[in-house]
Protein backbone atom coordinates (compact mmCIF):
# COMPACT_ATOMS: atom_id res chain seq x y z
CA UNK A 1 -14.61 -19.26 88.42
CA UNK A 2 -14.49 -21.94 91.22
CA UNK A 3 -12.02 -24.42 90.58
CA UNK A 4 -12.08 -28.17 91.45
CA UNK A 5 -9.18 -28.64 93.50
CA UNK A 6 -7.60 -32.28 94.49
CA UNK A 7 -6.28 -32.38 98.10
CA UNK A 8 -3.98 -34.97 98.70
CA UNK A 9 -3.43 -34.62 102.57
CA UNK A 10 -3.23 -37.31 105.08
CA UNK A 11 -3.04 -35.52 108.30
CA UNK A 12 -7.05 -34.90 109.33
CA UNK A 13 -6.93 -31.67 110.93
CA UNK A 14 -4.68 -29.95 108.05
CA UNK A 15 -6.99 -31.74 105.63
CA UNK A 16 -9.58 -30.09 107.16
CA UNK A 17 -8.47 -26.90 107.60
CA UNK A 18 -7.62 -26.52 104.17
CA UNK A 19 -10.78 -27.79 102.52
CA UNK A 20 -12.50 -25.06 104.65
CA UNK A 21 -10.59 -22.39 103.22
CA UNK A 22 -10.61 -24.12 99.81
CA UNK A 23 -14.56 -24.20 100.23
CA UNK A 24 -14.92 -20.61 101.66
CA UNK A 25 -13.21 -19.18 98.69
CA UNK A 26 -15.88 -21.07 96.49
CA UNK A 27 -13.58 -24.04 95.15
CA UNK A 28 -14.96 -27.53 94.82
CA UNK A 29 -12.78 -29.72 97.05
CA UNK A 30 -12.16 -33.57 96.43
CA UNK A 31 -10.09 -34.79 99.10
CA UNK A 32 -7.62 -38.09 99.27
CA UNK A 33 -5.79 -39.12 102.05
CA UNK A 34 -2.84 -40.90 100.05
CA UNK A 35 -1.54 -40.95 96.53
CA UNK A 36 -2.97 -44.16 95.54
CA UNK A 37 -6.68 -42.85 96.26
CA UNK A 38 -5.51 -39.70 94.27
CA UNK A 39 -4.79 -41.80 91.36
CA UNK A 40 -8.35 -43.62 91.17
CA UNK A 41 -9.73 -40.06 91.62
CA UNK A 42 -7.61 -38.60 88.76
CA UNK A 43 -8.46 -41.37 86.41
CA UNK A 44 -12.09 -40.66 86.70
CA UNK A 45 -11.87 -36.87 86.14
CA UNK A 46 -9.15 -34.40 86.10
CA UNK A 47 -8.95 -31.60 88.81
CA UNK A 48 -8.16 -28.00 87.87
CA UNK A 49 -5.16 -28.08 90.30
CA UNK A 50 -3.89 -30.38 93.04
CA UNK A 51 -2.56 -29.74 96.20
CA UNK A 52 -0.17 -32.42 97.17
CA UNK A 53 1.60 -32.88 100.28
CA UNK A 54 5.26 -34.69 100.17
CA UNK A 55 4.98 -36.82 102.81
CA UNK A 56 2.33 -39.69 102.51
CA UNK A 57 1.69 -43.31 103.41
CA UNK A 58 2.52 -45.79 100.56
CA UNK A 59 3.39 -43.62 97.29
CA UNK A 60 5.10 -40.17 98.10
CA UNK A 61 4.31 -36.99 97.06
CA UNK A 62 7.22 -36.85 94.75
CA UNK A 63 6.63 -39.96 93.30
CA UNK A 64 2.97 -39.31 92.42
CA UNK A 65 4.12 -35.65 91.07
CA UNK A 66 6.62 -37.79 88.52
CA UNK A 67 3.49 -40.04 87.58
CA UNK A 68 1.52 -36.94 86.69
CA UNK A 69 3.86 -35.46 84.81
CA UNK A 70 5.00 -38.15 83.03
CA UNK A 71 1.10 -39.01 81.53
CA UNK A 72 0.25 -36.78 78.75
CA UNK A 73 -3.64 -36.82 80.10
CA UNK A 74 -2.16 -35.40 83.11
CA UNK A 75 1.07 -33.67 82.63
CA UNK A 76 -0.97 -30.24 82.54
CA UNK A 77 -2.94 -30.07 85.91
CA UNK A 78 -1.16 -27.11 88.20
CA UNK A 79 0.23 -29.01 91.13
CA UNK A 80 1.50 -26.99 94.20
CA UNK A 81 3.25 -29.02 96.87
CA UNK A 82 2.75 -28.58 100.69
CA UNK A 83 5.80 -30.02 102.78
CA UNK A 84 7.52 -29.36 106.19
CA UNK A 85 10.98 -30.12 104.30
CA UNK A 86 11.89 -26.77 103.77
CA UNK A 87 15.98 -27.16 102.88
CA UNK A 88 16.68 -25.72 99.39
CA UNK A 89 17.51 -29.14 97.94
CA UNK A 90 13.96 -30.33 98.68
CA UNK A 91 12.78 -27.31 97.00
CA UNK A 92 14.48 -27.83 93.92
CA UNK A 93 13.51 -31.49 93.84
CA UNK A 94 10.01 -30.39 94.16
CA UNK A 95 10.35 -28.08 91.19
CA UNK A 96 12.28 -30.45 89.21
CA UNK A 97 9.77 -33.05 89.26
CA UNK A 98 6.99 -30.40 87.75
CA UNK A 99 5.73 -28.61 91.00
CA UNK A 100 4.13 -25.15 89.98
CA UNK A 101 4.80 -23.90 93.61
CA UNK A 102 6.36 -25.09 96.83
CA UNK A 103 4.65 -24.39 99.93
CA UNK A 104 6.21 -24.87 103.23
CA UNK A 105 4.47 -25.87 106.27
CA UNK A 106 3.51 -24.39 108.44
CA UNK A 107 1.77 -21.94 106.24
CA UNK A 108 -1.23 -19.40 106.48
CA UNK A 109 -4.17 -20.10 104.87
CA UNK A 110 -4.31 -16.33 103.08
CA UNK A 111 -0.82 -17.12 101.68
CA UNK A 112 -1.96 -20.66 100.33
CA UNK A 113 -5.44 -19.05 98.68
CA UNK A 114 -2.89 -16.39 97.23
CA UNK A 115 -0.12 -19.33 95.69
CA UNK A 116 -3.45 -21.16 94.30
CA UNK A 117 -4.89 -17.86 92.69
CA UNK A 118 -1.59 -17.13 90.92
CA UNK A 119 -0.71 -20.66 89.73
CA UNK A 120 -4.55 -20.83 88.33
CA UNK A 121 -4.06 -17.18 86.71
CA UNK A 122 -0.78 -18.58 85.32
CA UNK A 123 -1.56 -22.11 84.14
CA UNK A 124 -5.22 -22.27 84.08
CA UNK A 125 -6.62 -18.81 83.40
CA UNK A 126 -9.82 -20.23 82.47
CA UNK A 127 -10.51 -21.54 86.10
CA UNK A 128 -10.33 -18.04 87.38
CA UNK A 129 -12.92 -15.22 87.74
CA UNK A 130 -10.45 -12.53 86.17
CA UNK A 131 -12.28 -10.61 83.40
CA UNK A 132 -10.87 -10.99 80.25
CA UNK A 133 -10.94 -7.99 77.43
CA UNK A 134 -9.87 -8.93 73.98
CA UNK A 135 -10.80 -8.14 70.10
CA UNK A 136 -13.71 -5.72 71.33
CA UNK A 137 -15.13 -8.80 73.72
CA UNK A 138 -15.59 -8.30 77.47
CA UNK A 139 -16.07 -11.47 79.24
CA UNK A 140 -16.82 -11.13 83.51
CA UNK A 141 -16.73 -15.01 84.55
CA UNK A 142 -18.08 -13.60 88.34
CA UNK A 143 -21.03 -12.42 86.59
CA UNK A 144 -21.62 -14.23 83.66
CA UNK A 145 -21.90 -11.40 81.35
CA UNK A 146 -20.57 -10.91 77.93
CA UNK A 147 -20.26 -7.55 76.41
CA UNK A 148 -19.41 -6.30 72.93
CA UNK A 149 -18.54 -2.57 73.56
CA UNK A 150 -21.20 -1.66 75.29
CA UNK A 151 -23.69 -4.02 73.95
CA UNK A 152 -24.82 -7.38 75.81
CA UNK A 153 -24.38 -10.93 74.36
CA UNK A 154 -26.47 -13.48 75.38
CA UNK A 155 -24.41 -17.26 75.72
CA UNK A 156 -25.97 -20.12 76.82
CA UNK A 157 -23.76 -21.46 79.32
CA UNK A 158 -21.68 -23.95 77.42
CA UNK A 159 -20.95 -21.55 74.73
CA UNK A 160 -19.97 -19.11 77.93
CA UNK A 161 -17.57 -21.83 78.93
CA UNK A 162 -15.92 -22.41 75.55
CA UNK A 163 -15.39 -18.76 74.70
CA UNK A 164 -13.93 -18.24 77.87
CA UNK A 165 -11.62 -21.09 77.47
CA UNK A 166 -10.67 -19.86 74.12
CA UNK A 167 -10.37 -16.11 75.27
CA UNK A 168 -7.88 -17.25 77.77
CA UNK A 169 -5.98 -19.44 75.28
CA UNK A 170 -5.78 -16.74 72.44
CA UNK A 171 -3.88 -17.41 69.15
CA UNK A 172 -3.78 -21.07 70.18
CA UNK A 173 -5.05 -23.94 67.95
CA UNK A 174 -7.34 -26.39 69.84
CA UNK A 175 -8.56 -29.87 68.84
CA UNK A 176 -12.26 -30.93 68.91
CA UNK A 177 -10.80 -33.24 71.71
CA UNK A 178 -8.96 -30.96 73.48
CA UNK A 179 -12.02 -28.54 73.62
CA UNK A 180 -14.06 -31.59 74.93
CA UNK A 181 -11.92 -32.18 77.85
CA UNK A 182 -11.04 -28.73 78.67
CA UNK A 183 -14.72 -27.53 78.31
CA UNK A 184 -16.85 -30.11 79.09
CA UNK A 185 -14.33 -32.31 81.45
CA UNK A 186 -12.56 -35.53 79.95
CA UNK A 187 -14.77 -37.89 81.98
CA UNK A 188 -17.99 -36.62 79.58
CA UNK A 189 -18.46 -38.85 76.93
CA UNK A 190 -20.05 -36.83 73.82
CA UNK A 191 -19.19 -37.02 70.26
CA UNK A 192 -16.66 -34.73 69.03
CA UNK A 193 -19.25 -32.99 66.39
CA UNK A 194 -20.70 -31.45 69.24
CA UNK A 195 -17.90 -29.10 69.82
CA UNK A 196 -19.18 -28.01 66.24
CA UNK A 197 -22.89 -27.44 66.89
CA UNK A 198 -21.65 -25.34 69.94
CA UNK A 199 -18.84 -23.06 67.86
CA UNK A 200 -21.64 -22.35 65.43
CA UNK A 201 -24.33 -21.03 68.02
CA UNK A 202 -21.43 -19.15 69.42
CA UNK A 203 -20.75 -17.57 66.39
CA UNK A 204 -24.51 -17.00 65.86
CA UNK A 205 -24.33 -15.12 69.00
CA UNK A 206 -21.79 -13.16 67.85
CA UNK A 207 -22.32 -12.19 64.68
CA UNK A 208 -24.95 -9.32 65.43
CA UNK A 209 -21.73 -7.47 66.49
CA UNK A 210 -19.62 -8.52 64.08
CA UNK A 211 -17.25 -10.30 66.21
CA UNK A 212 -18.12 -13.90 65.08
CA UNK A 213 -14.78 -13.92 63.00
CA UNK A 214 -12.82 -13.63 66.01
CA UNK A 215 -13.91 -17.67 66.58
CA UNK A 216 -11.66 -19.27 63.67
CA UNK A 217 -11.36 -22.74 62.01
CA UNK A 218 -8.26 -24.07 61.41
CA UNK A 219 -8.79 -26.55 58.62
CA UNK A 220 -7.92 -30.23 59.93
CA UNK A 221 -6.96 -29.18 63.04
CA UNK A 222 -9.52 -27.15 65.48
CA UNK A 223 -10.20 -24.03 66.48
CA UNK A 224 -8.79 -20.76 67.62
CA UNK A 225 -9.60 -17.49 69.15
CA UNK A 226 -7.91 -15.11 67.26
CA UNK A 227 -8.14 -10.72 67.07
CA UNK A 228 -6.73 -10.92 63.34
CA UNK A 229 -10.09 -11.76 61.98
CA UNK A 230 -10.90 -13.61 58.60
CA UNK A 231 -13.05 -15.15 56.66
CA UNK A 232 -14.49 -18.59 58.15
CA UNK A 233 -15.49 -21.82 56.46
CA UNK A 234 -18.78 -22.94 57.23
CA UNK A 235 -18.32 -25.92 60.48
CA UNK A 236 -20.03 -29.03 58.82
């Protein structure tokens, strides 16, 4: 699935080159020339990944990274540092402030795309197009198809995104608020009960192939995807 990537880079030529390659790879790109602008963008909506230059006018990339990791809302955003500083102590500092990867300039666009894919696969698998096989279901984001064995299962777009997120984070319990943030986006303001409606629709779609028990209610906490099926209480 295409990821929304926030590119924070103050050199226009480098920003344009990186953005062009990201767009060619199918991603959506949001650009910022400084950390203050990036901060406003993140305040409005969370990106799937941040590409962050170290040397920025005003607030440095390192200081911005620290702020992202200090805030509960933003600490989980995958982050790749871009910098001409290639000394070992600089790399260590970048990783210590919470960067998931550290790419030294000059770099090839191909290498950067590979690093982005690797970080997304590790930190945000729901943002990749890798097929997911779990519990007898195969979900393919690239073709937007879900099959149970050899049987196609029809899902609406929201139910598909919801199942994709749950399947890429199996056995973890997610609250309604967390699912709203991850599936709908944290800038979309809808009632938490909306999640219950789509969980119900998802289970109805999975019921004919007897896979509805994979989507489980954890009373008082939220929902999870588990291959250890159990009887489900009704969503009320």
